[in-house]
PDB file of all heavy atoms in Angstrom:
ATOM      1  N   ALA A   1       1.021   3.071   7.016  1.00  0.00           N
ATOM      2  CA  ALA A   1       0.030   3.109   8.097  1.00  0.00           C
ATOM      3  C   ALA A   1       0.668   3.469   9.416  1.00  0.00           C
ATOM      4  O   ALA A   1       0.157   4.324  10.178  1.00  0.00           O
ATOM      5  CB  ALA A   1      -0.672   1.761   8.184  1.00  0.00           C
ATOM      6  N   ARG A   2       1.811   2.859   9.727  1.00  0.00           N
ATOM      7  CA  ARG A   2       2.489   3.119  10.988  1.00  0.00           C
ATOM      8  C   ARG A   2       2.944   4.585  11.072  1.00  0.00           C
ATOM      9  O   ARG A   2       2.719   5.272  12.094  1.00  0.00           O
ATOM     10  CB  ARG A   2       3.691   2.177  11.112  1.00  0.00           C
ATOM     11  CG  ARG A   2       4.378   2.203  12.497  1.00  0.00           C
ATOM     12  CD  ARG A   2       5.542   1.239  12.543  1.00  0.00           C
ATOM     13  NE  ARG A   2       5.146  -0.111  12.168  1.00  0.00           N
ATOM     14  CZ  ARG A   2       5.520  -0.730  11.051  1.00  0.00           C
ATOM     15  NH1 ARG A   2       6.310  -0.092  10.192  1.00  0.00           N
ATOM     16  NH2 ARG A   2       5.117  -1.948  10.790  1.00  0.00           N
ATOM     17  N   ALA A   3       3.546   5.082   9.992  1.00  0.00           N
ATOM     18  CA  ALA A   3       4.052   6.456   9.991  1.00  0.00           C
ATOM     19  C   ALA A   3       2.920   7.491   9.981  1.00  0.00           C
ATOM     20  O   ALA A   3       3.096   8.621  10.460  1.00  0.00           O
ATOM     21  CB  ALA A   3       4.955   6.677   8.783  1.00  0.00           C
ATOM     22  N   SER A   4       1.782   7.114   9.450  1.00  0.00           N
ATOM     23  CA  SER A   4       0.639   8.036   9.378  1.00  0.00           C
ATOM     24  C   SER A   4      -0.227   7.991  10.623  1.00  0.00           C
ATOM     25  O   SER A   4      -1.076   8.863  10.832  1.00  0.00           O
ATOM     26  CB  SER A   4      -0.241   7.691   8.150  1.00  0.00           C
ATOM     27  OG  SER A   4       0.498   7.735   6.972  1.00  0.00           O
ATOM     28  N   GLY A   5      -0.059   6.920  11.425  1.00  0.00           N
ATOM     29  CA  GLY A   5      -0.881   6.778  12.624  1.00  0.00           C
ATOM     30  C   GLY A   5      -2.290   6.344  12.315  1.00  0.00           C
ATOM     31  O   GLY A   5      -3.244   6.701  13.029  1.00  0.00           O
ATOM     32  N   VAL A   6      -2.475   5.558  11.221  1.00  0.00           N
ATOM     33  CA  VAL A   6      -3.809   5.072  10.837  1.00  0.00           C
ATOM     34  C   VAL A   6      -3.735   3.570  10.605  1.00  0.00           C
ATOM     35  O   VAL A   6      -2.641   2.960  10.581  1.00  0.00           O
ATOM     36  CB  VAL A   6      -4.309   5.776   9.550  1.00  0.00           C
ATOM     37  CG1 VAL A   6      -4.418   7.270   9.761  1.00  0.00           C
ATOM     38  CG2 VAL A   6      -3.395   5.460   8.363  1.00  0.00           C
ATOM     39  N   HIS A   7      -4.892   2.978  10.438  1.00  0.00           N
ATOM     40  CA  HIS A   7      -4.976   1.546  10.163  1.00  0.00           C
ATOM     41  C   HIS A   7      -4.599   1.274   8.704  1.00  0.00           C
ATOM     42  O   HIS A   7      -4.760   2.150   7.836  1.00  0.00           O
ATOM     43  CB  HIS A   7      -6.383   1.024  10.455  1.00  0.00           C
ATOM     44  CG  HIS A   7      -6.463  -0.466  10.514  1.00  0.00           C
ATOM     45  ND1 HIS A   7      -6.655  -1.264   9.414  1.00  0.00           N
ATOM     46  CD2 HIS A   7      -6.382  -1.315  11.592  1.00  0.00           C
ATOM     47  CE1 HIS A   7      -6.691  -2.532   9.796  1.00  0.00           C
ATOM     48  NE2 HIS A   7      -6.520  -2.604  11.105  1.00  0.00           N
ATOM     49  N   VAL A   8      -4.118   0.053   8.433  1.00  0.00           N
ATOM     50  CA  VAL A   8      -3.770  -0.338   7.059  1.00  0.00           C
ATOM     51  C   VAL A   8      -4.939  -0.162   6.104  1.00  0.00           C
ATOM     52  O   VAL A   8      -4.778   0.256   4.963  1.00  0.00           O
ATOM     53  CB  VAL A   8      -3.280  -1.808   7.040  1.00  0.00           C
ATOM     54  CG1 VAL A   8      -3.181  -2.316   5.602  1.00  0.00           C
ATOM     55  CG2 VAL A   8      -1.926  -1.929   7.744  1.00  0.00           C
ATOM     56  N   SER A   9      -6.152  -0.450   6.586  1.00  0.00           N
ATOM     57  CA  SER A   9      -7.336  -0.330   5.735  1.00  0.00           C
ATOM     58  C   SER A   9      -7.566   1.113   5.294  1.00  0.00           C
ATOM     59  O   SER A   9      -8.079   1.375   4.206  1.00  0.00           O
ATOM     60  CB  SER A   9      -8.576  -0.865   6.449  1.00  0.00           C
ATOM     61  OG  SER A   9      -8.837  -0.122   7.617  1.00  0.00           O
ATOM     62  N   THR A  10      -7.192   2.070   6.170  1.00  0.00           N
ATOM     63  CA  THR A  10      -7.342   3.486   5.806  1.00  0.00           C
ATOM     64  C   THR A  10      -6.381   3.860   4.691  1.00  0.00           C
ATOM     65  O   THR A  10      -6.733   4.616   3.770  1.00  0.00           O
ATOM     66  CB  THR A  10      -7.101   4.381   7.034  1.00  0.00           C
ATOM     67  OG1 THR A  10      -8.032   4.025   8.064  1.00  0.00           O
ATOM     68  CG2 THR A  10      -7.280   5.851   6.689  1.00  0.00           C
ATOM     69  N   VAL A  11      -5.159   3.354   4.753  1.00  0.00           N
ATOM     70  CA  VAL A  11      -4.214   3.592   3.659  1.00  0.00           C
ATOM     71  C   VAL A  11      -4.741   2.991   2.376  1.00  0.00           C
ATOM     72  O   VAL A  11      -4.673   3.619   1.289  1.00  0.00           O
ATOM     73  CB  VAL A  11      -2.827   2.983   4.012  1.00  0.00           C
ATOM     74  CG1 VAL A  11      -1.844   3.217   2.846  1.00  0.00           C
ATOM     75  CG2 VAL A  11      -2.274   3.591   5.288  1.00  0.00           C
ATOM     76  N   SER A  12      -5.274   1.779   2.475  1.00  0.00           N
ATOM     77  CA  SER A  12      -5.819   1.117   1.275  1.00  0.00           C
ATOM     78  C   SER A  12      -6.936   1.941   0.667  1.00  0.00           C
ATOM     79  O   SER A  12      -6.974   2.160  -0.554  1.00  0.00           O
ATOM     80  CB  SER A  12      -6.337  -0.278   1.662  1.00  0.00           C
ATOM     81  OG  SER A  12      -6.930  -0.899   0.530  1.00  0.00           O
ATOM     82  N   ARG A  13      -7.870   2.449   1.510  1.00  0.00           N
ATOM     83  CA  ARG A  13      -8.967   3.269   0.991  1.00  0.00           C
ATOM     84  C   ARG A  13      -8.474   4.571   0.404  1.00  0.00           C
ATOM     85  O   ARG A  13      -9.064   5.090  -0.551  1.00  0.00           O
ATOM     86  CB  ARG A  13      -9.994   3.549   2.092  1.00  0.00           C
ATOM     87  CG  ARG A  13     -10.988   2.412   2.335  1.00  0.00           C
ATOM     88  CD  ARG A  13     -12.182   2.898   3.142  1.00  0.00           C
ATOM     89  NE  ARG A  13     -11.788   3.401   4.446  1.00  0.00           N
ATOM     90  CZ  ARG A  13     -11.604   2.636   5.517  1.00  0.00           C
ATOM     91  NH1 ARG A  13     -11.778   1.320   5.431  1.00  0.00           N
ATOM     92  NH2 ARG A  13     -11.257   3.172   6.680  1.00  0.00           N
ATOM     93  N   THR A  14      -7.409   5.130   0.980  1.00  0.00           N
ATOM     94  CA  THR A  14      -6.864   6.395   0.452  1.00  0.00           C
ATOM     95  C   THR A  14      -6.489   6.248  -1.016  1.00  0.00           C
ATOM     96  O   THR A  14      -6.675   7.190  -1.801  1.00  0.00           O
ATOM     97  CB  THR A  14      -5.626   6.812   1.266  1.00  0.00           C
ATOM     98  OG1 THR A  14      -6.043   7.058   2.611  1.00  0.00           O
ATOM     99  CG2 THR A  14      -4.994   8.066   0.692  1.00  0.00           C
ATOM    100  N   PHE A  15      -6.030   5.083  -1.409  1.00  0.00           N
ATOM    101  CA  PHE A  15      -5.621   4.872  -2.796  1.00  0.00           C
ATOM    102  C   PHE A  15      -6.715   4.242  -3.657  1.00  0.00           C
ATOM    103  O   PHE A  15      -6.773   4.490  -4.859  1.00  0.00           O
ATOM    104  CB  PHE A  15      -4.352   3.995  -2.850  1.00  0.00           C
ATOM    105  CG  PHE A  15      -3.124   4.695  -2.373  1.00  0.00           C
ATOM    106  CD1 PHE A  15      -2.669   4.552  -1.076  1.00  0.00           C
ATOM    107  CD2 PHE A  15      -2.428   5.533  -3.241  1.00  0.00           C
ATOM    108  CE1 PHE A  15      -1.535   5.216  -0.637  1.00  0.00           C
ATOM    109  CE2 PHE A  15      -1.286   6.203  -2.806  1.00  0.00           C
ATOM    110  CZ  PHE A  15      -0.841   6.051  -1.502  1.00  0.00           C
ATOM    111  N   SER A  16      -7.606   3.466  -3.038  1.00  0.00           N
ATOM    112  CA  SER A  16      -8.631   2.768  -3.836  1.00  0.00           C
ATOM    113  C   SER A  16      -9.938   3.533  -3.902  1.00  0.00           C
ATOM    114  O   SER A  16     -10.665   3.444  -4.885  1.00  0.00           O
ATOM    115  CB  SER A  16      -8.874   1.379  -3.266  1.00  0.00           C
ATOM    116  OG  SER A  16      -9.403   1.455  -1.941  1.00  0.00           O
ATOM    117  N   ALA A  17     -10.264   4.288  -2.824  1.00  0.00           N
ATOM    118  CA  ALA A  17     -11.529   5.038  -2.793  1.00  0.00           C
ATOM    119  C   ALA A  17     -11.309   6.308  -1.996  1.00  0.00           C
ATOM    120  O   ALA A  17     -11.840   6.490  -0.890  1.00  0.00           O
ATOM    121  CB  ALA A  17     -12.643   4.187  -2.179  1.00  0.00           C
ATOM    122  N   PRO A  18     -10.500   7.245  -2.516  1.00  0.00           N
ATOM    123  CA  PRO A  18     -10.102   8.433  -1.738  1.00  0.00           C
ATOM    124  C   PRO A  18     -11.286   9.282  -1.279  1.00  0.00           C
ATOM    125  O   PRO A  18     -11.182   9.986  -0.263  1.00  0.00           O
ATOM    126  CB  PRO A  18      -9.205   9.192  -2.701  1.00  0.00           C
ATOM    127  CG  PRO A  18      -9.518   8.659  -4.071  1.00  0.00           C
ATOM    128  CD  PRO A  18      -9.911   7.236  -3.851  1.00  0.00           C
ATOM    129  N   HIS A  19     -12.401   9.232  -2.012  1.00  0.00           N
ATOM    130  CA  HIS A  19     -13.549  10.036  -1.632  1.00  0.00           C
ATOM    131  C   HIS A  19     -14.187   9.554  -0.322  1.00  0.00           C
ATOM    132  O   HIS A  19     -15.002  10.251   0.276  1.00  0.00           O
ATOM    133  CB  HIS A  19     -14.600  10.020  -2.747  1.00  0.00           C
ATOM    134  CG  HIS A  19     -15.093   8.639  -3.120  1.00  0.00           C
ATOM    135  ND1 HIS A  19     -14.306   7.727  -3.798  1.00  0.00           N
ATOM    136  CD2 HIS A  19     -16.274   8.026  -2.878  1.00  0.00           C
ATOM    137  CE1 HIS A  19     -15.002   6.612  -3.967  1.00  0.00           C
ATOM    138  NE2 HIS A  19     -16.171   6.769  -3.421  1.00  0.00           N
ATOM    139  N   LEU A  20     -13.817   8.350   0.145  1.00  0.00           N
ATOM    140  CA  LEU A  20     -14.367   7.808   1.385  1.00  0.00           C
ATOM    141  C   LEU A  20     -13.484   8.128   2.598  1.00  0.00           C
ATOM    142  O   LEU A  20     -13.829   7.770   3.721  1.00  0.00           O
ATOM    143  CB  LEU A  20     -14.508   6.290   1.274  1.00  0.00           C
ATOM    144  CG  LEU A  20     -15.469   5.779   0.185  1.00  0.00           C
ATOM    145  CD1 LEU A  20     -15.486   4.256   0.176  1.00  0.00           C
ATOM    146  CD2 LEU A  20     -16.868   6.331   0.377  1.00  0.00           C
ATOM    147  N   VAL A  21     -12.367   8.836   2.371  1.00  0.00           N
ATOM    148  CA  VAL A  21     -11.435   9.131   3.435  1.00  0.00           C
ATOM    149  C   VAL A  21     -11.486  10.634   3.769  1.00  0.00           C
ATOM    150  O   VAL A  21     -11.497  11.471   2.844  1.00  0.00           O
ATOM    151  CB  VAL A  21      -9.999   8.714   3.058  1.00  0.00           C
ATOM    152  CG1 VAL A  21      -9.021   9.000   4.197  1.00  0.00           C
ATOM    153  CG2 VAL A  21      -9.950   7.230   2.689  1.00  0.00           C
ATOM    154  N   ASN A  22     -11.493  10.942   5.047  1.00  0.00           N
ATOM    155  CA  ASN A  22     -11.457  12.323   5.505  1.00  0.00           C
ATOM    156  C   ASN A  22     -10.315  13.077   4.823  1.00  0.00           C
ATOM    157  O   ASN A  22      -9.220  12.556   4.681  1.00  0.00           O
ATOM    158  CB  ASN A  22     -11.275  12.333   7.028  1.00  0.00           C
ATOM    159  CG  ASN A  22     -11.078  13.712   7.588  1.00  0.00           C
ATOM    160  OD1 ASN A  22      -9.952  14.215   7.589  1.00  0.00           O
ATOM    161  ND2 ASN A  22     -12.136  14.319   8.073  1.00  0.00           N
ATOM    162  N   THR A  23     -10.582  14.321   4.389  1.00  0.00           N
ATOM    163  CA  THR A  23      -9.601  15.073   3.631  1.00  0.00           C
ATOM    164  C   THR A  23      -8.272  15.226   4.352  1.00  0.00           C
ATOM    165  O   THR A  23      -7.194  15.005   3.783  1.00  0.00           O
ATOM    166  CB  THR A  23     -10.146  16.476   3.282  1.00  0.00           C
ATOM    167  OG1 THR A  23     -11.346  16.336   2.523  1.00  0.00           O
ATOM    168  CG2 THR A  23      -9.140  17.264   2.449  1.00  0.00           C
ATOM    169  N   GLU A  24      -8.308  15.563   5.641  1.00  0.00           N
ATOM    170  CA  GLU A  24      -7.081  15.740   6.407  1.00  0.00           C
ATOM    171  C   GLU A  24      -6.299  14.424   6.488  1.00  0.00           C
ATOM    172  O   GLU A  24      -5.075  14.409   6.305  1.00  0.00           O
ATOM    173  CB  GLU A  24      -7.431  16.247   7.814  1.00  0.00           C
ATOM    174  CG  GLU A  24      -6.203  16.472   8.684  1.00  0.00           C
ATOM    175  CD  GLU A  24      -6.576  16.933  10.090  1.00  0.00           C
ATOM    176  OE1 GLU A  24      -7.745  17.323  10.301  1.00  0.00           O
ATOM    177  OE2 GLU A  24      -5.692  16.891  10.967  1.00  0.00           O
ATOM    178  N   THR A  25      -7.024  13.346   6.764  1.00  0.00           N
ATOM    179  CA  THR A  25      -6.345  12.028   6.860  1.00  0.00           C
ATOM    180  C   THR A  25      -5.767  11.623   5.517  1.00  0.00           C
ATOM    181  O   THR A  25      -4.630  11.136   5.425  1.00  0.00           O
ATOM    182  CB  THR A  25      -7.355  10.961   7.353  1.00  0.00           C
ATOM    183  OG1 THR A  25      -7.884  11.348   8.609  1.00  0.00           O
ATOM    184  CG2 THR A  25      -6.691   9.604   7.462  1.00  0.00           C
ATOM    185  N   ARG A  26      -6.563  11.829   4.458  1.00  0.00           N
ATOM    186  CA  ARG A  26      -6.088  11.460   3.121  1.00  0.00           C
ATOM    187  C   ARG A  26      -4.810  12.214   2.768  1.00  0.00           C
ATOM    188  O   ARG A  26      -3.839  11.616   2.267  1.00  0.00           O
ATOM    189  CB  ARG A  26      -7.190  11.742   2.089  1.00  0.00           C
ATOM    190  CG  ARG A  26      -6.793  11.335   0.663  1.00  0.00           C
ATOM    191  CD  ARG A  26      -7.986  11.504  -0.290  1.00  0.00           C
ATOM    192  NE  ARG A  26      -8.331  12.890  -0.506  1.00  0.00           N
ATOM    193  CZ  ARG A  26      -9.496  13.443  -0.167  1.00  0.00           C
ATOM    194  NH1 ARG A  26     -10.416  12.700   0.435  1.00  0.00           N
ATOM    195  NH2 ARG A  26      -9.737  14.696  -0.422  1.00  0.00           N
ATOM    196  N   ASN A  27      -4.792  13.510   3.025  1.00  0.00           N
ATOM    197  CA  ASN A  27      -3.611  14.307   2.696  1.00  0.00           C
ATOM    198  C   ASN A  27      -2.389  13.868   3.501  1.00  0.00           C
ATOM    199  O   ASN A  27      -1.255  13.830   2.986  1.00  0.00           O
ATOM    200  CB  ASN A  27      -3.891  15.792   2.944  1.00  0.00           C
ATOM    201  CG  ASN A  27      -4.893  16.365   1.953  1.00  0.00           C
ATOM    202  OD1 ASN A  27      -5.081  15.791   0.871  1.00  0.00           O
ATOM    203  ND2 ASN A  27      -5.487  17.481   2.295  1.00  0.00           N
ATOM    204  N   ARG A  28      -2.626  13.497   4.776  1.00  0.00           N
ATOM    205  CA  ARG A  28      -1.502  13.037   5.608  1.00  0.00           C
ATOM    206  C   ARG A  28      -0.947  11.712   5.088  1.00  0.00           C
ATOM    207  O   ARG A  28       0.269  11.544   4.972  1.00  0.00           O
ATOM    208  CB  ARG A  28      -1.969  12.884   7.055  1.00  0.00           C
ATOM    209  CG  ARG A  28      -0.827  12.494   8.002  1.00  0.00           C
ATOM    210  CD  ARG A  28      -1.215  12.589   9.453  1.00  0.00           C
ATOM    211  NE  ARG A  28      -2.098  11.519   9.894  1.00  0.00           N
ATOM    212  CZ  ARG A  28      -3.395  11.653  10.163  1.00  0.00           C
ATOM    213  NH1 ARG A  28      -3.974  12.840  10.013  1.00  0.00           N
ATOM    214  NH2 ARG A  28      -4.127  10.636  10.574  1.00  0.00           N
ATOM    215  N   VAL A  29      -1.849  10.791   4.751  1.00  0.00           N
ATOM    216  CA  VAL A  29      -1.417   9.491   4.232  1.00  0.00           C
ATOM    217  C   VAL A  29      -0.654   9.654   2.915  1.00  0.00           C
ATOM    218  O   VAL A  29       0.407   9.044   2.712  1.00  0.00           O
ATOM    219  CB  VAL A  29      -2.616   8.557   4.048  1.00  0.00           C
ATOM    220  CG1 VAL A  29      -2.205   7.293   3.289  1.00  0.00           C
ATOM    221  CG2 VAL A  29      -3.215   8.189   5.389  1.00  0.00           C
ATOM    222  N   LEU A  30      -1.169  10.501   2.032  1.00  0.00           N
ATOM    223  CA  LEU A  30      -0.514  10.688   0.737  1.00  0.00           C
ATOM    224  C   LEU A  30       0.857  11.333   0.910  1.00  0.00           C
ATOM    225  O   LEU A  30       1.819  10.997   0.208  1.00  0.00           O
ATOM    226  CB  LEU A  30      -1.392  11.569  -0.159  1.00  0.00           C
ATOM    227  CG  LEU A  30      -2.695  10.934  -0.659  1.00  0.00           C
ATOM    228  CD1 LEU A  30      -3.531  11.952  -1.429  1.00  0.00           C
ATOM    229  CD2 LEU A  30      -2.404   9.717  -1.541  1.00  0.00           C
ATOM    230  N   ALA A  31       0.976  12.279   1.846  1.00  0.00           N
ATOM    231  CA  ALA A  31       2.259  12.933   2.088  1.00  0.00           C
ATOM    232  C   ALA A  31       3.276  11.931   2.635  1.00  0.00           C
ATOM    233  O   ALA A  31       4.445  11.918   2.208  1.00  0.00           O
ATOM    234  CB  ALA A  31       2.070  14.086   3.061  1.00  0.00           C
ATOM    235  N   VAL A  32       2.855  11.066   3.575  1.00  0.00           N
ATOM    236  CA  VAL A  32       3.746  10.055   4.122  1.00  0.00           C
ATOM    237  C   VAL A  32       4.160   9.071   3.032  1.00  0.00           C
ATOM    238  O   VAL A  32       5.333   8.677   2.924  1.00  0.00           O
ATOM    239  CB  VAL A  32       3.065   9.319   5.297  1.00  0.00           C
ATOM    240  CG1 VAL A  32       3.882   8.088   5.707  1.00  0.00           C
ATOM    241  CG2 VAL A  32       2.899  10.256   6.483  1.00  0.00           C
ATOM    242  N   ALA A  33       3.168   8.657   2.227  1.00  0.00           N
ATOM    243  CA  ALA A  33       3.477   7.715   1.145  1.00  0.00           C
ATOM    244  C   ALA A  33       4.504   8.296   0.178  1.00  0.00           C
ATOM    245  O   ALA A  33       5.424   7.594  -0.287  1.00  0.00           O
ATOM    246  CB  ALA A  33       2.201   7.353   0.401  1.00  0.00           C
ATOM    247  N   GLU A  34       4.383   9.597  -0.094  1.00  0.00           N
ATOM    248  CA  GLU A  34       5.326  10.267  -0.989  1.00  0.00           C
ATOM    249  C   GLU A  34       6.725  10.304  -0.362  1.00  0.00           C
ATOM    250  O   GLU A  34       7.725  10.019  -1.014  1.00  0.00           O
ATOM    251  CB  GLU A  34       4.834  11.688  -1.293  1.00  0.00           C
ATOM    252  CG  GLU A  34       5.720  12.444  -2.284  1.00  0.00           C
ATOM    253  CD  GLU A  34       5.665  11.860  -3.684  1.00  0.00           C
ATOM    254  OE1 GLU A  34       4.653  11.214  -4.027  1.00  0.00           O
ATOM    255  OE2 GLU A  34       6.660  12.058  -4.422  1.00  0.00           O
ATOM    256  N   ASP A  35       6.771  10.621   0.934  1.00  0.00           N
ATOM    257  CA  ASP A  35       8.066  10.688   1.629  1.00  0.00           C
ATOM    258  C   ASP A  35       8.752   9.321   1.647  1.00  0.00           C
ATOM    259  O   ASP A  35       9.984   9.230   1.501  1.00  0.00           O
ATOM    260  CB  ASP A  35       7.866  11.174   3.057  1.00  0.00           C
ATOM    261  CG  ASP A  35       7.530  12.670   3.117  1.00  0.00           C
ATOM    262  OD1 ASP A  35       7.779  13.363   2.104  1.00  0.00           O
ATOM    263  OD2 ASP A  35       7.016  13.113   4.166  1.00  0.00           O
TER     264      ASP A  35
END
């Protein structure tokens, strides 16, 4: 969350309900998580 510049809940939704997260934000979170 810190590295992505989003709230912890947004990271949680990215993995639990990705369809509820904006595409750009989801891709950024996933890329940071991978790194």
